[in-house]
Every structure is written in C-alpha cells, then in structure tokens.
C-alpha cells in the first residue's frame, strides 16, 4: 500500500508542478506520468479524468485557519490583522506554484472555484474572529462582518496577484490601518 501511496503522491506533485508551469490545458497526462516516473496508465488508475488531478490538488492549498493566540494583540486590531496576514503569507509562500495554479484555473474549473470560494468564507471568518478578539466587546457595535469581508478580499487579492507588486506590503499595511481605524 505504501508504494501505491508513493506513486499517487508523485503523480500529484508532478501534476501540480507541470500545471503551474505550463497550465492545465497545455499539460498532457503523459508528461505528468513522465515527471512522476510512472506509467501513463497509473495516472488514469488513480485519476480517471485529467480534471480529477486538478480537483485532488485543491485541498493542498495552505489552510486559512490560524490559532488566535498566535496573532491577537489585545486592544490592537491593526497589529493583530498584520500578524494574521504575516502567518497567511508565510503559508502561501510555502506553496507558490500551487496557489498560483489554483487561482489561475478557477475560471474554468468549478471544483477549484468552489474551493476558493469556501477558502474565502473561512478566511473572512478567521479575520472576524481576530478583530473581535483584538477589539473586545467594543467590536460588537461596529460592522465587523463588512470589515472582515474587506480584509479577506484584500488578502485573497494579495495572494493571487498583488504579491507580484513591489509595494504590496506597504499597501496591505495601509489597508489594515484603514480598517482598524474605521472600527475604532
């Protein structure tokens, strides 16, 4: 069984690399098999259709859930959000090819799009929890859900496109400071 899992893992790693390099549509399964060092038939044994490979890569996107104790600075929403973004950035940097691939393929693959929508929902919930934990009871009087949605959108944009902008860190700092001051 360990050999089967190893072959399946090699196929997924090869598919992720090749899809990110050349794109999903431009990568034949024969190249995936060649890079993985397996017969082409084994690719189809584990993944009936080529889109099944892409779907299997979706859960490998780094988790958006962060332990509040690791990021919350009581009384300082801006610092707490900055710490959250730093943790999320580090996770995305651990798999830049995968994240790039999935955001690029979201337009044409519903499973990927649905997974990224779910990731955004989880991220907005995480941001909301950080805001409430940092601001305390005072946060209940403000529009925390809108602020959380805006920060989640900014983080998603940062991870999909803006990370290539040399001013990305400065812009994110300004956005987080703006949200924190709007809350209070």
N, C-alpha and C. Protein backbone atom coordinates (compact mmCIF):
# COMPACT_ATOMS: atom_id res chain seq x y z
N UNK A 1 0.82 -1.20 0.00
CA UNK A 1 0.00 0.00 0.00
C UNK A 1 0.86 1.26 0.00
N UNK A 2 2.00 1.24 0.71
CA UNK A 2 2.87 2.41 0.78
C UNK A 2 3.40 2.77 -0.61
N UNK A 3 3.68 1.74 -1.44
CA UNK A 3 4.16 2.01 -2.80
C UNK A 3 3.07 2.67 -3.62
N UNK A 4 1.81 2.24 -3.45
CA UNK A 4 0.69 2.86 -4.16
C UNK A 4 0.55 4.32 -3.77
N UNK A 5 0.64 4.60 -2.47
CA UNK A 5 0.52 5.98 -1.99
C UNK A 5 1.68 6.82 -2.51
N UNK A 6 2.87 6.23 -2.59
CA UNK A 6 4.03 6.95 -3.09
C UNK A 6 3.83 7.32 -4.56
N UNK A 7 3.34 6.40 -5.37
CA UNK A 7 3.09 6.67 -6.78
C UNK A 7 2.01 7.74 -6.93
N UNK A 8 0.94 7.64 -6.16
CA UNK A 8 -0.13 8.63 -6.22
C UNK A 8 0.41 10.01 -5.83
N UNK A 9 1.22 10.05 -4.79
CA UNK A 9 1.81 11.30 -4.34
C UNK A 9 2.73 11.89 -5.40
N UNK A 10 3.56 11.06 -6.02
CA UNK A 10 4.44 11.54 -7.08
C UNK A 10 3.65 12.10 -8.25
N UNK A 11 2.53 11.46 -8.56
CA UNK A 11 1.66 11.94 -9.65
C UNK A 11 1.11 13.32 -9.29
N UNK A 12 0.63 13.47 -8.07
CA UNK A 12 0.07 14.77 -7.66
C UNK A 12 1.13 15.87 -7.65
N UNK A 13 2.31 15.56 -7.16
CA UNK A 13 3.39 16.55 -7.14
C UNK A 13 3.75 16.95 -8.57
N UNK A 14 3.90 15.96 -9.43
CA UNK A 14 4.24 16.24 -10.83
C UNK A 14 3.14 17.06 -11.51
N UNK A 15 1.90 16.70 -11.28
CA UNK A 15 0.78 17.44 -11.88
C UNK A 15 0.77 18.88 -11.40
N UNK A 16 0.95 19.08 -10.11
CA UNK A 16 0.97 20.44 -9.57
C UNK A 16 2.08 21.28 -10.20
N UNK A 17 3.25 20.71 -10.30
CA UNK A 17 4.38 21.44 -10.90
C UNK A 17 4.13 21.76 -12.36
N UNK A 18 3.71 20.75 -13.12
CA UNK A 18 3.51 20.95 -14.56
C UNK A 18 2.33 21.87 -14.86
N UNK A 19 1.24 21.72 -14.13
CA UNK A 19 0.08 22.60 -14.36
C UNK A 19 0.46 24.05 -14.05
N UNK A 20 1.25 24.24 -13.00
CA UNK A 20 1.66 25.60 -12.64
C UNK A 20 2.63 26.18 -13.67
N UNK A 21 3.49 25.34 -14.21
CA UNK A 21 4.47 25.80 -15.20
C UNK A 21 3.84 26.11 -16.55
N UNK A 22 3.04 25.17 -17.05
CA UNK A 22 2.54 25.29 -18.42
C UNK A 22 1.04 25.53 -18.51
N UNK A 23 0.33 25.37 -17.42
CA UNK A 23 -1.12 25.48 -17.44
C UNK A 23 -1.76 24.10 -17.53
N UNK A 24 -2.97 24.03 -17.05
CA UNK A 24 -3.68 22.76 -17.02
C UNK A 24 -3.92 22.22 -18.43
N UNK A 25 -4.47 23.06 -19.30
CA UNK A 25 -4.84 22.60 -20.64
C UNK A 25 -3.63 22.22 -21.49
N UNK A 26 -2.49 22.85 -21.25
CA UNK A 26 -1.30 22.60 -22.06
C UNK A 26 -0.46 21.42 -21.55
N UNK A 27 -0.90 20.78 -20.49
CA UNK A 27 -0.13 19.68 -19.91
C UNK A 27 -0.83 18.35 -20.14
N UNK A 28 -0.29 17.51 -21.00
CA UNK A 28 -0.88 16.19 -21.20
C UNK A 28 -0.56 15.25 -20.02
N UNK A 29 -1.42 14.29 -19.80
CA UNK A 29 -1.19 13.35 -18.71
C UNK A 29 0.08 12.53 -18.95
N UNK A 30 0.49 12.39 -20.20
CA UNK A 30 1.73 11.65 -20.48
C UNK A 30 2.93 12.38 -19.86
N UNK A 31 2.92 13.72 -19.87
CA UNK A 31 4.01 14.48 -19.23
C UNK A 31 3.96 14.33 -17.72
N UNK A 32 2.75 14.28 -17.17
CA UNK A 32 2.61 14.07 -15.72
C UNK A 32 3.22 12.72 -15.36
N UNK A 33 2.86 11.70 -16.12
CA UNK A 33 3.39 10.35 -15.84
C UNK A 33 4.91 10.33 -15.97
N UNK A 34 5.43 10.97 -17.01
CA UNK A 34 6.87 11.01 -17.22
C UNK A 34 7.58 11.68 -16.04
N UNK A 35 7.07 12.84 -15.61
CA UNK A 35 7.70 13.55 -14.50
C UNK A 35 7.59 12.75 -13.21
N UNK A 36 6.46 12.06 -13.01
CA UNK A 36 6.25 11.27 -11.79
C UNK A 36 7.02 9.96 -11.81
N UNK A 37 7.50 9.57 -12.99
CA UNK A 37 8.22 8.31 -13.11
C UNK A 37 7.31 7.10 -13.00
N UNK A 38 6.10 7.22 -13.56
CA UNK A 38 5.13 6.13 -13.52
C UNK A 38 4.57 5.90 -14.92
N UNK A 39 4.01 4.72 -15.18
CA UNK A 39 3.34 4.50 -16.46
C UNK A 39 2.10 5.39 -16.57
N UNK A 40 1.79 5.81 -17.80
CA UNK A 40 0.63 6.69 -18.02
C UNK A 40 -0.66 6.04 -17.50
N UNK A 41 -0.76 4.73 -17.64
CA UNK A 41 -1.96 4.03 -17.16
C UNK A 41 -2.17 4.19 -15.66
N UNK A 42 -1.10 4.35 -14.91
CA UNK A 42 -1.23 4.52 -13.47
C UNK A 42 -1.84 5.88 -13.12
N UNK A 43 -1.55 6.87 -13.94
CA UNK A 43 -2.18 8.18 -13.73
C UNK A 43 -3.69 8.03 -13.84
N UNK A 44 -4.13 7.32 -14.86
CA UNK A 44 -5.57 7.12 -15.07
C UNK A 44 -6.17 6.13 -14.08
N UNK A 45 -5.37 5.30 -13.50
CA UNK A 45 -5.85 4.40 -12.45
C UNK A 45 -6.26 5.21 -11.22
N UNK A 46 -5.41 6.16 -10.84
CA UNK A 46 -5.71 6.98 -9.66
C UNK A 46 -6.67 8.12 -9.96
N UNK A 47 -6.60 8.64 -11.17
CA UNK A 47 -7.40 9.82 -11.54
C UNK A 47 -8.02 9.54 -12.90
N UNK A 48 -9.31 9.16 -12.87
CA UNK A 48 -9.98 8.74 -14.12
C UNK A 48 -9.85 9.78 -15.23
N UNK A 49 -10.09 11.01 -14.87
CA UNK A 49 -10.04 12.09 -15.86
C UNK A 49 -8.98 13.11 -15.43
N UNK A 50 -8.44 13.80 -16.38
CA UNK A 50 -7.42 14.81 -16.08
C UNK A 50 -7.93 15.86 -15.09
N UNK A 51 -9.18 16.34 -15.20
CA UNK A 51 -9.65 17.31 -14.20
C UNK A 51 -9.65 16.76 -12.77
N UNK A 52 -9.71 15.43 -12.62
CA UNK A 52 -9.65 14.85 -11.28
C UNK A 52 -8.30 15.13 -10.61
N UNK A 53 -7.25 15.25 -11.42
CA UNK A 53 -5.94 15.63 -10.87
C UNK A 53 -6.00 17.03 -10.27
N UNK A 54 -6.61 17.94 -11.00
CA UNK A 54 -6.71 19.32 -10.52
C UNK A 54 -7.55 19.37 -9.24
N UNK A 55 -8.65 18.67 -9.23
CA UNK A 55 -9.52 18.62 -8.05
C UNK A 55 -8.77 18.06 -6.84
N UNK A 56 -7.93 17.07 -7.06
CA UNK A 56 -7.17 16.47 -5.96
C UNK A 56 -6.11 17.43 -5.41
N UNK A 57 -5.73 18.42 -6.18
CA UNK A 57 -4.74 19.39 -5.71
C UNK A 57 -5.35 20.48 -4.83
N UNK A 58 -6.65 20.72 -4.97
CA UNK A 58 -7.31 21.80 -4.24
C UNK A 58 -7.10 21.72 -2.73
N UNK A 59 -7.28 20.56 -2.09
CA UNK A 59 -7.10 20.51 -0.63
C UNK A 59 -5.66 20.78 -0.18
N UNK A 60 -4.73 20.82 -1.11
CA UNK A 60 -3.34 21.06 -0.75
C UNK A 60 -3.01 22.55 -0.60
N UNK A 61 -3.97 23.40 -0.93
CA UNK A 61 -3.76 24.83 -0.71
C UNK A 61 -3.64 25.05 0.79
N UNK A 62 -2.69 25.85 1.21
CA UNK A 62 -2.48 26.03 2.66
C UNK A 62 -3.75 26.47 3.39
N UNK A 63 -3.91 25.96 4.58
CA UNK A 63 -5.07 26.23 5.43
C UNK A 63 -5.13 27.72 5.80
N UNK A 64 -6.35 28.26 5.87
CA UNK A 64 -6.53 29.66 6.25
C UNK A 64 -6.80 29.82 7.74
N UNK A 65 -7.00 28.73 8.44
CA UNK A 65 -7.30 28.81 9.87
C UNK A 65 -6.01 29.03 10.66
N UNK A 66 -6.05 30.02 11.55
CA UNK A 66 -4.89 30.38 12.37
C UNK A 66 -5.33 30.41 13.82
N UNK A 67 -4.48 29.92 14.71
CA UNK A 67 -4.77 29.95 16.14
C UNK A 67 -4.75 31.41 16.61
N UNK A 68 -5.85 31.87 17.18
CA UNK A 68 -5.96 33.26 17.63
C UNK A 68 -4.85 33.66 18.58
N UNK A 69 -4.43 32.75 19.45
CA UNK A 69 -3.37 33.06 20.41
C UNK A 69 -2.06 33.43 19.72
N UNK A 70 -1.89 32.98 18.48
CA UNK A 70 -0.66 33.27 17.75
C UNK A 70 -0.65 34.66 17.11
N UNK A 71 -1.82 35.28 16.96
CA UNK A 71 -1.86 36.54 16.22
C UNK A 71 -2.50 37.71 16.94
N UNK A 72 -3.37 37.46 17.89
CA UNK A 72 -4.12 38.55 18.51
C UNK A 72 -3.26 39.34 19.49
N UNK A 73 -3.30 40.65 19.32
CA UNK A 73 -2.70 41.60 20.26
C UNK A 73 -3.88 42.33 20.89
N UNK A 74 -4.25 41.99 22.12
CA UNK A 74 -5.44 42.60 22.73
C UNK A 74 -5.39 44.13 22.67
N UNK A 75 -6.47 44.70 22.17
CA UNK A 75 -6.58 46.15 22.08
C UNK A 75 -5.97 46.75 20.83
N UNK A 76 -5.37 45.94 19.97
CA UNK A 76 -4.72 46.48 18.77
C UNK A 76 -5.15 45.68 17.54
N UNK A 77 -6.23 46.15 16.91
CA UNK A 77 -6.78 45.45 15.75
C UNK A 77 -5.79 45.46 14.59
N UNK A 78 -5.17 46.60 14.32
CA UNK A 78 -4.24 46.69 13.19
C UNK A 78 -3.07 45.72 13.34
N UNK A 79 -2.46 45.68 14.53
CA UNK A 79 -1.33 44.77 14.75
C UNK A 79 -1.79 43.31 14.66
N UNK A 80 -2.97 43.02 15.17
CA UNK A 80 -3.50 41.65 15.11
C UNK A 80 -3.72 41.22 13.67
N UNK A 81 -4.31 42.11 12.88
CA UNK A 81 -4.55 41.79 11.46
C UNK A 81 -3.23 41.64 10.71
N UNK A 82 -2.27 42.49 11.02
CA UNK A 82 -0.95 42.39 10.38
C UNK A 82 -0.29 41.06 10.70
N UNK A 83 -0.41 40.61 11.93
CA UNK A 83 0.17 39.32 12.32
C UNK A 83 -0.56 38.18 11.61
N UNK A 84 -1.89 38.28 11.47
CA UNK A 84 -2.65 37.27 10.75
C UNK A 84 -2.18 37.20 9.30
N UNK A 85 -2.08 38.35 8.65
CA UNK A 85 -1.64 38.39 7.26
C UNK A 85 -0.23 37.79 7.13
N UNK A 86 0.66 38.08 8.05
CA UNK A 86 2.02 37.53 8.00
C UNK A 86 2.01 36.00 8.06
N UNK A 87 1.17 35.44 8.93
CA UNK A 87 1.08 33.98 9.03
C UNK A 87 0.52 33.41 7.73
N UNK A 88 -0.53 34.03 7.19
CA UNK A 88 -1.13 33.54 5.94
C UNK A 88 -0.16 33.68 4.77
N UNK A 89 0.58 34.79 4.73
CA UNK A 89 1.59 34.98 3.68
C UNK A 89 2.64 33.88 3.72
N UNK A 90 3.11 33.56 4.92
CA UNK A 90 4.13 32.52 5.05
C UNK A 90 3.62 31.18 4.54
N UNK A 91 2.36 30.90 4.79
CA UNK A 91 1.79 29.63 4.32
C UNK A 91 1.69 29.60 2.80
N UNK A 92 1.27 30.69 2.22
CA UNK A 92 1.16 30.75 0.76
C UNK A 92 2.54 30.67 0.12
N UNK A 93 3.52 31.31 0.73
CA UNK A 93 4.89 31.27 0.18
C UNK A 93 5.45 29.85 0.21
N UNK A 94 4.93 29.01 1.07
CA UNK A 94 5.39 27.62 1.14
C UNK A 94 4.93 26.82 -0.08
N UNK A 95 3.92 27.31 -0.79
CA UNK A 95 3.44 26.60 -1.97
C UNK A 95 3.03 27.58 -3.07
N UNK A 96 3.95 28.41 -3.54
CA UNK A 96 3.58 29.44 -4.52
C UNK A 96 3.08 28.87 -5.84
N UNK A 97 3.64 27.76 -6.29
CA UNK A 97 3.18 27.17 -7.55
C UNK A 97 1.74 26.70 -7.43
N UNK A 98 1.42 26.04 -6.32
CA UNK A 98 0.07 25.53 -6.14
C UNK A 98 -0.94 26.66 -6.05
N UNK A 99 -0.65 27.67 -5.27
CA UNK A 99 -1.61 28.76 -5.14
C UNK A 99 -1.79 29.48 -6.46
N UNK A 100 -0.71 29.71 -7.19
CA UNK A 100 -0.80 30.36 -8.50
C UNK A 100 -1.66 29.53 -9.45
N UNK A 101 -1.40 28.25 -9.47
CA UNK A 101 -2.15 27.34 -10.33
C UNK A 101 -3.64 27.38 -10.03
N UNK A 102 -4.00 27.26 -8.77
CA UNK A 102 -5.42 27.18 -8.42
C UNK A 102 -6.15 28.47 -8.72
N UNK A 103 -5.56 29.62 -8.43
CA UNK A 103 -6.25 30.87 -8.75
C UNK A 103 -6.38 31.04 -10.26
N UNK A 104 -5.38 30.60 -11.00
CA UNK A 104 -5.44 30.72 -12.46
C UNK A 104 -6.52 29.81 -13.04
N UNK A 105 -6.69 28.63 -12.50
CA UNK A 105 -7.64 27.66 -13.06
C UNK A 105 -9.06 27.83 -12.53
N UNK A 106 -9.28 28.73 -11.60
CA UNK A 106 -10.62 28.90 -11.01
C UNK A 106 -11.66 29.33 -12.04
N UNK A 107 -11.24 30.03 -13.07
CA UNK A 107 -12.19 30.50 -14.08
C UNK A 107 -12.80 29.37 -14.90
N UNK A 108 -12.08 28.28 -15.06
CA UNK A 108 -12.56 27.22 -15.95
C UNK A 108 -12.89 25.91 -15.26
N UNK A 109 -12.62 25.82 -13.96
CA UNK A 109 -12.87 24.56 -13.25
C UNK A 109 -13.73 24.83 -12.02
N UNK A 110 -14.99 24.43 -12.07
CA UNK A 110 -15.92 24.72 -10.96
C UNK A 110 -15.47 24.18 -9.61
N UNK A 111 -14.82 23.02 -9.57
CA UNK A 111 -14.36 22.49 -8.28
C UNK A 111 -13.33 23.41 -7.64
N UNK A 112 -12.45 23.94 -8.46
CA UNK A 112 -11.44 24.87 -7.96
C UNK A 112 -12.10 26.16 -7.51
N UNK A 113 -13.00 26.68 -8.32
CA UNK A 113 -13.71 27.92 -7.97
C UNK A 113 -14.47 27.75 -6.66
N UNK A 114 -15.18 26.63 -6.51
CA UNK A 114 -15.94 26.38 -5.29
C UNK A 114 -15.01 26.29 -4.07
N UNK A 115 -13.87 25.65 -4.25
CA UNK A 115 -12.92 25.52 -3.14
C UNK A 115 -12.35 26.88 -2.76
N UNK A 116 -12.09 27.73 -3.73
CA UNK A 116 -11.57 29.06 -3.42
C UNK A 116 -12.64 29.94 -2.78
N UNK A 117 -13.90 29.78 -3.18
CA UNK A 117 -14.98 30.50 -2.50
C UNK A 117 -15.08 30.06 -1.04
N UNK A 118 -14.98 28.77 -0.81
CA UNK A 118 -15.02 28.26 0.56
C UNK A 118 -13.82 28.77 1.36
N UNK A 119 -12.67 28.82 0.73
CA UNK A 119 -11.48 29.34 1.39
C UNK A 119 -11.70 30.80 1.79
N UNK A 120 -12.31 31.57 0.91
CA UNK A 120 -12.58 32.98 1.22
C UNK A 120 -13.55 33.09 2.39
N UNK A 121 -14.57 32.25 2.43
CA UNK A 121 -15.52 32.27 3.54
C UNK A 121 -14.82 31.97 4.86
N UNK A 122 -13.97 30.96 4.86
CA UNK A 122 -13.21 30.60 6.06
C UNK A 122 -12.27 31.74 6.45
N UNK A 123 -11.63 32.33 5.47
CA UNK A 123 -10.71 33.44 5.74
C UNK A 123 -11.46 34.63 6.35
N UNK A 124 -12.63 34.97 5.81
CA UNK A 124 -13.41 36.08 6.37
C UNK A 124 -13.81 35.77 7.81
N UNK A 125 -14.17 34.54 8.09
CA UNK A 125 -14.49 34.14 9.47
C UNK A 125 -13.28 34.26 10.39
N UNK A 126 -12.13 33.89 9.86
CA UNK A 126 -10.89 33.99 10.64
C UNK A 126 -10.57 35.46 10.94
N UNK A 127 -10.71 36.32 9.93
CA UNK A 127 -10.45 37.74 10.13
C UNK A 127 -11.42 38.32 11.15
N UNK A 128 -12.69 37.93 11.05
CA UNK A 128 -13.71 38.40 12.00
C UNK A 128 -13.32 38.01 13.43
N UNK A 129 -12.91 36.76 13.60
CA UNK A 129 -12.52 36.28 14.93
C UNK A 129 -11.33 37.07 15.48
N UNK A 130 -10.38 37.40 14.64
CA UNK A 130 -9.22 38.18 15.07
C UNK A 130 -9.66 39.58 15.48
N UNK A 131 -10.51 40.20 14.68
CA UNK A 131 -10.99 41.56 15.01
C UNK A 131 -11.71 41.56 16.36
N UNK A 132 -12.62 40.63 16.54
CA UNK A 132 -13.40 40.57 17.78
C UNK A 132 -12.48 40.29 18.98
N UNK A 133 -11.54 39.37 18.81
CA UNK A 133 -10.63 39.05 19.91
C UNK A 133 -9.72 40.24 20.26
N UNK A 134 -9.30 40.98 19.24
CA UNK A 134 -8.41 42.12 19.49
C UNK A 134 -9.17 43.32 20.04
N UNK A 135 -10.37 43.57 19.52
CA UNK A 135 -11.13 44.76 19.91
C UNK A 135 -11.95 44.55 21.17
N UNK A 136 -12.22 43.32 21.49
CA UNK A 136 -13.04 43.04 22.68
C UNK A 136 -14.50 43.37 22.45
N UNK A 137 -15.24 43.55 23.52
CA UNK A 137 -16.68 43.80 23.42
C UNK A 137 -17.05 45.01 22.57
N UNK A 138 -16.14 45.96 22.44
CA UNK A 138 -16.43 47.17 21.65
C UNK A 138 -16.68 46.83 20.19
N UNK A 139 -16.17 45.71 19.72
CA UNK A 139 -16.34 45.34 18.32
C UNK A 139 -17.79 45.06 17.96
N UNK A 140 -18.59 44.69 18.94
CA UNK A 140 -19.99 44.35 18.67
C UNK A 140 -20.78 45.53 18.13
N UNK A 141 -20.34 46.75 18.42
CA UNK A 141 -21.05 47.94 17.97
C UNK A 141 -20.66 48.36 16.56
N UNK A 142 -19.75 47.69 15.94
CA UNK A 142 -19.26 48.09 14.62
C UNK A 142 -19.60 47.04 13.58
N UNK A 143 -19.41 47.40 12.33
CA UNK A 143 -19.73 46.48 11.25
C UNK A 143 -18.55 45.54 10.99
N UNK A 144 -18.34 44.62 11.92
CA UNK A 144 -17.20 43.72 11.86
C UNK A 144 -17.29 42.79 10.65
N UNK A 145 -18.49 42.36 10.29
CA UNK A 145 -18.61 41.44 9.15
C UNK A 145 -18.13 42.10 7.86
N UNK A 146 -18.49 43.37 7.66
CA UNK A 146 -18.03 44.07 6.45
C UNK A 146 -16.52 44.26 6.48
N UNK A 147 -15.99 44.62 7.63
CA UNK A 147 -14.54 44.80 7.75
C UNK A 147 -13.82 43.48 7.48
N UNK A 148 -14.34 42.40 8.03
CA UNK A 148 -13.73 41.08 7.82
C UNK A 148 -13.77 40.69 6.34
N UNK A 149 -14.88 40.95 5.69
CA UNK A 149 -15.00 40.63 4.26
C UNK A 149 -14.00 41.45 3.44
N UNK A 150 -13.85 42.73 3.78
CA UNK A 150 -12.90 43.57 3.05
C UNK A 150 -11.46 43.10 3.24
N UNK A 151 -11.09 42.77 4.46
CA UNK A 151 -9.73 42.29 4.70
C UNK A 151 -9.51 40.95 4.01
N UNK A 152 -10.50 40.07 4.06
CA UNK A 152 -10.38 38.77 3.38
C UNK A 152 -10.20 38.96 1.88
N UNK A 153 -10.92 39.89 1.29
CA UNK A 153 -10.75 40.18 -0.13
C UNK A 153 -9.34 40.72 -0.41
N UNK A 154 -8.87 41.61 0.44
CA UNK A 154 -7.53 42.16 0.26
C UNK A 154 -6.46 41.06 0.36
N UNK A 155 -6.62 40.15 1.31
CA UNK A 155 -5.66 39.06 1.46
C UNK A 155 -5.73 38.12 0.25
N UNK A 156 -6.93 37.80 -0.20
CA UNK A 156 -7.07 36.93 -1.37
C UNK A 156 -6.45 37.57 -2.60
N UNK A 157 -6.70 38.85 -2.79
CA UNK A 157 -6.11 39.58 -3.92
C UNK A 157 -4.58 39.57 -3.81
N UNK A 158 -4.11 39.80 -2.60
CA UNK A 158 -2.66 39.81 -2.36
C UNK A 158 -2.05 38.47 -2.73
N UNK A 159 -2.69 37.39 -2.36
CA UNK A 159 -2.14 36.06 -2.61
C UNK A 159 -2.28 35.62 -4.05
N UNK A 160 -3.21 36.21 -4.79
CA UNK A 160 -3.38 35.78 -6.17
C UNK A 160 -2.62 36.67 -7.15
N UNK A 161 -2.57 37.97 -6.91
CA UNK A 161 -1.98 38.89 -7.88
C UNK A 161 -1.00 39.87 -7.26
N UNK A 162 -1.42 40.50 -6.18
CA UNK A 162 -0.67 41.63 -5.64
C UNK A 162 0.70 41.24 -5.08
N UNK A 163 0.92 39.97 -4.82
CA UNK A 163 2.24 39.59 -4.27
C UNK A 163 3.36 39.89 -5.26
N UNK A 164 2.99 40.12 -6.52
CA UNK A 164 3.99 40.46 -7.54
C UNK A 164 4.24 41.96 -7.59
N UNK A 165 3.53 42.73 -6.79
CA UNK A 165 3.66 44.18 -6.74
C UNK A 165 4.71 44.53 -5.68
N UNK A 166 5.73 45.30 -6.04
CA UNK A 166 6.77 45.63 -5.05
C UNK A 166 6.25 46.45 -3.87
N UNK A 167 5.11 47.11 -4.03
CA UNK A 167 4.53 47.90 -2.95
C UNK A 167 3.46 47.14 -2.17
N UNK A 168 3.35 45.83 -2.38
CA UNK A 168 2.28 45.05 -1.78
C UNK A 168 2.25 45.15 -0.25
N UNK A 169 3.40 45.09 0.38
CA UNK A 169 3.44 45.17 1.85
C UNK A 169 2.96 46.52 2.35
N UNK A 170 3.43 47.59 1.72
CA UNK A 170 3.03 48.94 2.12
C UNK A 170 1.53 49.14 1.91
N UNK A 171 1.01 48.65 0.79
CA UNK A 171 -0.42 48.79 0.53
C UNK A 171 -1.26 48.00 1.54
N UNK A 172 -0.82 46.80 1.87
CA UNK A 172 -1.55 45.99 2.85
C UNK A 172 -1.53 46.67 4.21
N UNK A 173 -0.40 47.21 4.60
CA UNK A 173 -0.32 47.91 5.88
C UNK A 173 -1.31 49.07 5.92
N UNK A 174 -1.41 49.82 4.83
CA UNK A 174 -2.36 50.94 4.77
C UNK A 174 -3.80 50.44 4.85
N UNK A 175 -4.09 49.35 4.15
CA UNK A 175 -5.45 48.80 4.18
C UNK A 175 -5.84 48.32 5.57
N UNK A 176 -4.91 47.66 6.25
CA UNK A 176 -5.19 47.16 7.59
C UNK A 176 -5.36 48.32 8.57
N UNK A 177 -4.53 49.33 8.44
CA UNK A 177 -4.66 50.51 9.31
C UNK A 177 -5.99 51.21 9.07
N UNK A 178 -6.41 51.28 7.82
CA UNK A 178 -7.70 51.91 7.48
C UNK A 178 -8.85 51.15 8.13
N UNK A 179 -8.85 49.83 7.99
CA UNK A 179 -9.92 49.01 8.58
C UNK A 179 -9.91 49.15 10.09
N UNK A 180 -8.74 49.10 10.69
CA UNK A 180 -8.66 49.22 12.15
C UNK A 180 -9.17 50.57 12.62
N UNK A 181 -8.83 51.65 11.92
CA UNK A 181 -9.31 52.98 12.35
C UNK A 181 -10.82 53.10 12.12
N UNK A 182 -11.32 52.49 11.07
CA UNK A 182 -12.77 52.53 10.83
C UNK A 182 -13.53 51.78 11.92
N UNK A 183 -12.91 50.77 12.48
CA UNK A 183 -13.56 50.01 13.54
C UNK A 183 -13.42 50.69 14.90
N UNK A 184 -12.49 51.66 14.95
CA UNK A 184 -12.43 52.25 16.13
C UNK A 184 -11.79 52.98 17.08
